[in-house]
Structures are given as C-alpha cells and as structure tokens.
PDB file of all heavy atoms in Angstrom:
ATOM      1  N   PRO A   1      -3.647  -0.275 -14.173  1.00  0.00           N
ATOM      2  CA  PRO A   1      -2.256  -0.175 -14.568  1.00  0.00           C
ATOM      3  C   PRO A   1      -1.664   1.115 -14.639  1.00  0.00           C
ATOM      4  O   PRO A   1      -2.340   2.090 -15.327  1.00  0.00           O
ATOM      5  CB  PRO A   1      -2.268  -1.021 -15.891  1.00  0.00           C
ATOM      6  CG  PRO A   1      -3.524  -1.890 -15.844  1.00  0.00           C
ATOM      7  CD  PRO A   1      -4.599  -1.050 -15.110  1.00  0.00           C
ATOM      8  N   MET A   2      -0.575   1.305 -14.028  1.00  0.00           N
ATOM      9  CA  MET A   2       0.222   2.609 -14.101  1.00  0.00           C
ATOM     10  C   MET A   2      -0.446   3.752 -13.372  1.00  0.00           C
ATOM     11  O   MET A   2      -0.014   4.932 -13.442  1.00  0.00           O
ATOM     12  CB  MET A   2       0.493   3.080 -15.582  1.00  0.00           C
ATOM     13  CG  MET A   2       1.441   2.126 -16.247  1.00  0.00           C
ATOM     14  SD  MET A   2       3.084   2.212 -15.718  1.00  0.00           S
ATOM     15  CE  MET A   2       3.784   3.414 -16.698  1.00  0.00           C
ATOM     16  N   ALA A   3      -1.458   3.395 -12.531  1.00  0.00           N
ATOM     17  CA  ALA A   3      -1.969   4.460 -11.574  1.00  0.00           C
ATOM     18  C   ALA A   3      -0.959   4.783 -10.572  1.00  0.00           C
ATOM     19  O   ALA A   3      -0.201   3.949 -10.062  1.00  0.00           O
ATOM     20  CB  ALA A   3      -3.253   4.022 -10.881  1.00  0.00           C
ATOM     21  N   VAL A   4      -0.931   6.070 -10.176  1.00  0.00           N
ATOM     22  CA  VAL A   4       0.054   6.474  -9.068  1.00  0.00           C
ATOM     23  C   VAL A   4      -0.778   6.840  -7.894  1.00  0.00           C
ATOM     24  O   VAL A   4      -1.761   7.664  -8.059  1.00  0.00           O
ATOM     25  CB  VAL A   4       0.982   7.762  -9.514  1.00  0.00           C
ATOM     26  CG1 VAL A   4       1.889   7.999  -8.360  1.00  0.00           C
ATOM     27  CG2 VAL A   4       1.636   7.488 -10.888  1.00  0.00           C
ATOM     28  N   VAL A   5      -0.566   6.030  -6.746  1.00  0.00           N
ATOM     29  CA  VAL A   5      -1.381   6.306  -5.605  1.00  0.00           C
ATOM     30  C   VAL A   5      -0.622   6.542  -4.354  1.00  0.00           C
ATOM     31  O   VAL A   5       0.575   6.279  -4.219  1.00  0.00           O
ATOM     32  CB  VAL A   5      -2.188   4.894  -5.363  1.00  0.00           C
ATOM     33  CG1 VAL A   5      -3.175   4.694  -6.376  1.00  0.00           C
ATOM     34  CG2 VAL A   5      -1.288   3.697  -5.311  1.00  0.00           C
ATOM     35  N   ASP A   6      -1.304   7.338  -3.552  1.00  0.00           N
ATOM     36  CA  ASP A   6      -0.682   7.511  -2.213  1.00  0.00           C
ATOM     37  C   ASP A   6      -1.220   6.469  -1.230  1.00  0.00           C
ATOM     38  O   ASP A   6      -2.525   6.416  -1.085  1.00  0.00           O
ATOM     39  CB  ASP A   6      -1.077   8.975  -1.711  1.00  0.00           C
ATOM     40  CG  ASP A   6      -0.512  10.074  -2.490  1.00  0.00           C
ATOM     41  OD1 ASP A   6       0.661   9.858  -3.154  1.00  0.00           O
ATOM     42  OD2 ASP A   6      -0.970  11.183  -2.472  1.00  0.00           O
ATOM     43  N   LEU A   7      -0.321   5.811  -0.540  1.00  0.00           N
ATOM     44  CA  LEU A   7      -0.783   4.733   0.273  1.00  0.00           C
ATOM     45  C   LEU A   7      -0.459   4.891   1.725  1.00  0.00           C
ATOM     46  O   LEU A   7       0.660   5.505   2.034  1.00  0.00           O
ATOM     47  CB  LEU A   7      -0.157   3.355  -0.081  1.00  0.00           C
ATOM     48  CG  LEU A   7      -0.483   2.954  -1.562  1.00  0.00           C
ATOM     49  CD1 LEU A   7       0.389   1.578  -1.744  1.00  0.00           C
ATOM     50  CD2 LEU A   7      -1.984   2.728  -1.776  1.00  0.00           C
ATOM     51  N   VAL A   8      -1.364   4.531   2.689  1.00  0.00           N
ATOM     52  CA  VAL A   8      -0.932   4.402   4.022  1.00  0.00           C
ATOM     53  C   VAL A   8      -0.942   2.858   4.321  1.00  0.00           C
ATOM     54  O   VAL A   8      -1.961   2.216   4.125  1.00  0.00           O
ATOM     55  CB  VAL A   8      -1.882   5.011   5.111  1.00  0.00           C
ATOM     56  CG1 VAL A   8      -1.570   4.792   6.451  1.00  0.00           C
ATOM     57  CG2 VAL A   8      -1.954   6.561   4.691  1.00  0.00           C
ATOM     58  N   THR A   9       0.218   2.276   4.710  1.00  0.00           N
ATOM     59  CA  THR A   9       0.378   0.893   4.750  1.00  0.00           C
ATOM     60  C   THR A   9       0.884   0.330   6.101  1.00  0.00           C
ATOM     61  O   THR A   9       1.394   1.099   6.922  1.00  0.00           O
ATOM     62  CB  THR A   9       1.309   0.323   3.641  1.00  0.00           C
ATOM     63  OG1 THR A   9       2.629   0.743   4.053  1.00  0.00           O
ATOM     64  CG2 THR A   9       0.985   0.979   2.357  1.00  0.00           C
ATOM     65  N   ASP A  10       0.659  -0.946   6.319  1.00  0.00           N
ATOM     66  CA  ASP A  10       1.171  -1.656   7.479  1.00  0.00           C
ATOM     67  C   ASP A  10       2.263  -2.585   6.966  1.00  0.00           C
ATOM     68  O   ASP A  10       1.852  -3.659   6.516  1.00  0.00           O
ATOM     69  CB  ASP A  10       0.078  -2.310   8.238  1.00  0.00           C
ATOM     70  CG  ASP A  10       0.523  -3.131   9.484  1.00  0.00           C
ATOM     71  OD1 ASP A  10       1.759  -2.772   9.879  1.00  0.00           O
ATOM     72  OD2 ASP A  10      -0.128  -4.058   9.814  1.00  0.00           O
ATOM     73  N   GLN A  11       3.646  -2.210   7.054  1.00  0.00           N
ATOM     74  CA  GLN A  11       4.557  -3.077   6.571  1.00  0.00           C
ATOM     75  C   GLN A  11       5.125  -4.000   7.628  1.00  0.00           C
ATOM     76  O   GLN A  11       5.634  -3.568   8.698  1.00  0.00           O
ATOM     77  CB  GLN A  11       5.681  -2.248   5.985  1.00  0.00           C
ATOM     78  CG  GLN A  11       5.271  -1.192   4.871  1.00  0.00           C
ATOM     79  CD  GLN A  11       5.302  -1.850   3.543  1.00  0.00           C
ATOM     80  OE1 GLN A  11       4.224  -1.743   2.874  1.00  0.00           O
ATOM     81  NE2 GLN A  11       6.185  -2.600   3.112  1.00  0.00           N
ATOM     82  N   GLN A  12       5.059  -5.203   7.368  1.00  0.00           N
ATOM     83  CA  GLN A  12       5.661  -6.309   8.240  1.00  0.00           C
ATOM     84  C   GLN A  12       6.658  -7.099   7.486  1.00  0.00           C
ATOM     85  O   GLN A  12       6.295  -7.691   6.453  1.00  0.00           O
ATOM     86  CB  GLN A  12       4.586  -7.145   8.815  1.00  0.00           C
ATOM     87  CG  GLN A  12       3.415  -6.415   9.542  1.00  0.00           C
ATOM     88  CD  GLN A  12       3.937  -5.922  10.952  1.00  0.00           C
ATOM     89  OE1 GLN A  12       4.917  -6.415  11.509  1.00  0.00           O
ATOM     90  NE2 GLN A  12       3.307  -4.865  11.526  1.00  0.00           N
ATOM     91  N   SER A  13       7.906  -7.112   7.912  1.00  0.00           N
ATOM     92  CA  SER A  13       9.052  -7.758   7.218  1.00  0.00           C
ATOM     93  C   SER A  13       8.829  -9.213   6.956  1.00  0.00           C
ATOM     94  O   SER A  13       9.189  -9.828   5.919  1.00  0.00           O
ATOM     95  CB  SER A  13      10.344  -7.521   7.897  1.00  0.00           C
ATOM     96  OG  SER A  13      10.294  -7.993   9.180  1.00  0.00           O
ATOM     97  N   LYS A  14       8.099  -9.868   7.902  1.00  0.00           N
ATOM     98  CA  LYS A  14       7.885 -11.374   7.754  1.00  0.00           C
ATOM     99  C   LYS A  14       6.750 -11.724   6.942  1.00  0.00           C
ATOM    100  O   LYS A  14       6.392 -12.913   6.655  1.00  0.00           O
ATOM    101  CB  LYS A  14       7.720 -11.986   9.135  1.00  0.00           C
ATOM    102  CG  LYS A  14       9.060 -11.849  10.022  1.00  0.00           C
ATOM    103  CD  LYS A  14       8.802 -12.508  11.340  1.00  0.00           C
ATOM    104  CE  LYS A  14      10.091 -12.420  12.187  1.00  0.00           C
ATOM    105  NZ  LYS A  14       9.956 -13.054  13.518  1.00  0.00           N
ATOM    106  N   ARG A  15       6.033 -10.671   6.415  1.00  0.00           N
ATOM    107  CA  ARG A  15       4.663 -11.001   5.713  1.00  0.00           C
ATOM    108  C   ARG A  15       5.012 -10.834   4.189  1.00  0.00           C
ATOM    109  O   ARG A  15       5.570  -9.847   3.736  1.00  0.00           O
ATOM    110  CB  ARG A  15       3.697 -10.030   6.229  1.00  0.00           C
ATOM    111  CG  ARG A  15       2.188 -10.331   5.769  1.00  0.00           C
ATOM    112  CD  ARG A  15       1.214  -9.663   6.694  1.00  0.00           C
ATOM    113  NE  ARG A  15       1.376  -8.072   6.664  1.00  0.00           N
ATOM    114  CZ  ARG A  15       0.916  -7.377   7.469  1.00  0.00           C
ATOM    115  NH1 ARG A  15       0.109  -7.782   8.473  1.00  0.00           N
ATOM    116  NH2 ARG A  15       1.035  -6.057   7.337  1.00  0.00           N
ATOM    117  N   GLU A  16       4.620 -11.816   3.435  1.00  0.00           N
ATOM    118  CA  GLU A  16       4.732 -11.702   2.021  1.00  0.00           C
ATOM    119  C   GLU A  16       3.822 -10.700   1.275  1.00  0.00           C
ATOM    120  O   GLU A  16       4.230  -9.916   0.367  1.00  0.00           O
ATOM    121  CB  GLU A  16       4.490 -13.156   1.423  1.00  0.00           C
ATOM    122  CG  GLU A  16       4.896 -13.124  -0.091  1.00  0.00           C
ATOM    123  CD  GLU A  16       4.862 -14.620  -0.626  1.00  0.00           C
ATOM    124  OE1 GLU A  16       4.828 -15.544   0.166  1.00  0.00           O
ATOM    125  OE2 GLU A  16       4.698 -14.739  -1.884  1.00  0.00           O
ATOM    126  N   LEU A  17       2.596 -10.670   1.803  1.00  0.00           N
ATOM    127  CA  LEU A  17       1.609  -9.768   1.272  1.00  0.00           C
ATOM    128  C   LEU A  17       1.354  -8.666   2.379  1.00  0.00           C
ATOM    129  O   LEU A  17       0.834  -9.043   3.438  1.00  0.00           O
ATOM    130  CB  LEU A  17       0.388 -10.475   0.801  1.00  0.00           C
ATOM    131  CG  LEU A  17       0.495 -11.412  -0.342  1.00  0.00           C
ATOM    132  CD1 LEU A  17      -0.817 -12.207  -0.522  1.00  0.00           C
ATOM    133  CD2 LEU A  17       0.852 -10.704  -1.635  1.00  0.00           C
ATOM    134  N   GLN A  18       1.662  -7.445   2.043  1.00  0.00           N
ATOM    135  CA  GLN A  18       1.395  -6.310   3.021  1.00  0.00           C
ATOM    136  C   GLN A  18      -0.038  -5.865   3.035  1.00  0.00           C
ATOM    137  O   GLN A  18      -0.867  -6.288   2.178  1.00  0.00           O
ATOM    138  CB  GLN A  18       2.303  -5.150   2.639  1.00  0.00           C
ATOM    139  CG  GLN A  18       3.790  -5.678   2.624  1.00  0.00           C
ATOM    140  CD  GLN A  18       4.274  -6.152   3.982  1.00  0.00           C
ATOM    141  OE1 GLN A  18       3.800  -5.922   4.988  1.00  0.00           O
ATOM    142  NE2 GLN A  18       5.350  -7.085   3.911  1.00  0.00           N
ATOM    143  N   ARG A  19      -0.405  -4.918   3.868  1.00  0.00           N
ATOM    144  CA  ARG A  19      -1.746  -4.452   4.065  1.00  0.00           C
ATOM    145  C   ARG A  19      -1.820  -2.947   3.722  1.00  0.00           C
ATOM    146  O   ARG A  19      -0.910  -2.287   4.086  1.00  0.00           O
ATOM    147  CB  ARG A  19      -2.280  -4.652   5.375  1.00  0.00           C
ATOM    148  CG  ARG A  19      -2.265  -6.158   5.933  1.00  0.00           C
ATOM    149  CD  ARG A  19      -3.393  -7.018   5.185  1.00  0.00           C
ATOM    150  NE  ARG A  19      -3.378  -8.300   5.845  1.00  0.00           N
ATOM    151  CZ  ARG A  19      -2.725  -9.426   5.338  1.00  0.00           C
ATOM    152  NH1 ARG A  19      -1.854  -9.253   4.384  1.00  0.00           N
ATOM    153  NH2 ARG A  19      -2.844 -10.476   5.992  1.00  0.00           N
ATOM    154  N   ILE A  20      -2.953  -2.550   3.071  1.00  0.00           N
ATOM    155  CA  ILE A  20      -3.108  -1.219   2.772  1.00  0.00           C
ATOM    156  C   ILE A  20      -4.258  -0.634   3.709  1.00  0.00           C
ATOM    157  O   ILE A  20      -5.357  -1.320   3.810  1.00  0.00           O
ATOM    158  CB  ILE A  20      -3.556  -0.973   1.345  1.00  0.00           C
ATOM    159  CG1 ILE A  20      -2.621  -1.504   0.381  1.00  0.00           C
ATOM    160  CG2 ILE A  20      -3.856   0.481   1.074  1.00  0.00           C
ATOM    161  CD1 ILE A  20      -2.990  -1.392  -1.081  1.00  0.00           C
ATOM    162  N   HIS A  21      -4.023   0.491   4.378  1.00  0.00           N
ATOM    163  CA  HIS A  21      -5.081   0.997   5.228  1.00  0.00           C
ATOM    164  C   HIS A  21      -5.858   2.116   4.687  1.00  0.00           C
ATOM    165  O   HIS A  21      -7.042   2.265   4.794  1.00  0.00           O
ATOM    166  CB  HIS A  21      -4.373   1.576   6.581  1.00  0.00           C
ATOM    167  CG  HIS A  21      -4.017   0.402   7.566  1.00  0.00           C
ATOM    168  ND1 HIS A  21      -4.755   0.380   8.707  1.00  0.00           N
ATOM    169  CD2 HIS A  21      -3.172  -0.496   7.476  1.00  0.00           C
ATOM    170  CE1 HIS A  21      -4.245  -0.853   9.364  1.00  0.00           C
ATOM    171  NE2 HIS A  21      -3.234  -1.219   8.625  1.00  0.00           N
ATOM    172  N   GLU A  22      -5.086   2.966   3.755  1.00  0.00           N
ATOM    173  CA  GLU A  22      -5.772   3.951   2.994  1.00  0.00           C
ATOM    174  C   GLU A  22      -5.102   4.037   1.686  1.00  0.00           C
ATOM    175  O   GLU A  22      -3.914   3.852   1.436  1.00  0.00           O
ATOM    176  CB  GLU A  22      -5.601   5.392   3.833  1.00  0.00           C
ATOM    177  CG  GLU A  22      -6.304   5.342   5.121  1.00  0.00           C
ATOM    178  CD  GLU A  22      -6.194   6.754   5.765  1.00  0.00           C
ATOM    179  OE1 GLU A  22      -6.129   7.746   5.016  1.00  0.00           O
ATOM    180  OE2 GLU A  22      -6.163   6.764   7.003  1.00  0.00           O
ATOM    181  N   ALA A  23      -5.878   4.514   0.635  1.00  0.00           N
ATOM    182  CA  ALA A  23      -5.377   4.716  -0.694  1.00  0.00           C
ATOM    183  C   ALA A  23      -6.128   5.951  -1.393  1.00  0.00           C
ATOM    184  O   ALA A  23      -7.322   5.941  -1.281  1.00  0.00           O
ATOM    185  CB  ALA A  23      -5.481   3.453  -1.499  1.00  0.00           C
ATOM    186  N   LYS A  24      -5.351   6.665  -2.127  1.00  0.00           N
ATOM    187  CA  LYS A  24      -5.938   7.692  -2.974  1.00  0.00           C
ATOM    188  C   LYS A  24      -5.041   8.037  -4.122  1.00  0.00           C
ATOM    189  O   LYS A  24      -3.827   7.731  -4.091  1.00  0.00           O
ATOM    190  CB  LYS A  24      -6.269   9.016  -2.230  1.00  0.00           C
ATOM    191  CG  LYS A  24      -5.075   9.663  -1.675  1.00  0.00           C
ATOM    192  CD  LYS A  24      -5.356  10.997  -0.949  1.00  0.00           C
ATOM    193  CE  LYS A  24      -4.119  11.647  -0.428  1.00  0.00           C
ATOM    194  NZ  LYS A  24      -4.381  12.905   0.429  1.00  0.00           N
ATOM    195  N   LEU A  25      -5.591   8.538  -5.194  1.00  0.00           N
ATOM    196  CA  LEU A  25      -4.704   8.940  -6.290  1.00  0.00           C
ATOM    197  C   LEU A  25      -3.767  10.152  -5.962  1.00  0.00           C
ATOM    198  O   LEU A  25      -4.146  11.124  -5.218  1.00  0.00           O
ATOM    199  CB  LEU A  25      -5.563   9.352  -7.524  1.00  0.00           C
ATOM    200  CG  LEU A  25      -6.352   8.223  -8.218  1.00  0.00           C
ATOM    201  CD1 LEU A  25      -7.207   8.892  -9.276  1.00  0.00           C
ATOM    202  CD2 LEU A  25      -5.398   7.218  -8.957  1.00  0.00           C
ATOM    203  N   SER A  26      -2.519   9.970  -6.501  1.00  0.00           N
ATOM    204  CA  SER A  26      -1.650  11.118  -6.307  1.00  0.00           C
ATOM    205  C   SER A  26      -1.963  12.304  -7.029  1.00  0.00           C
ATOM    206  O   SER A  26      -1.627  13.398  -6.619  1.00  0.00           O
ATOM    207  CB  SER A  26      -0.215  10.584  -6.586  1.00  0.00           C
ATOM    208  OG  SER A  26       0.268   9.551  -5.729  1.00  0.00           O
TER     209      SER A  26
END
C-alpha cells in the first residue's frame, strides 16, 4: 500500500486488466 513504482506497461484500451512488463520502486 502506497508504494510508488516505475512501471513499463502494455496498455490495451479493450482490456479491463492491463499487463506490467517491468516494475521498480521510484
């Protein structure tokens, strides 16, 4: 909770749940 993260994501407008490709703390 309340972690701030840098994400690389694959955003698809028709998809309800998106995908994360990379994540690290900001």
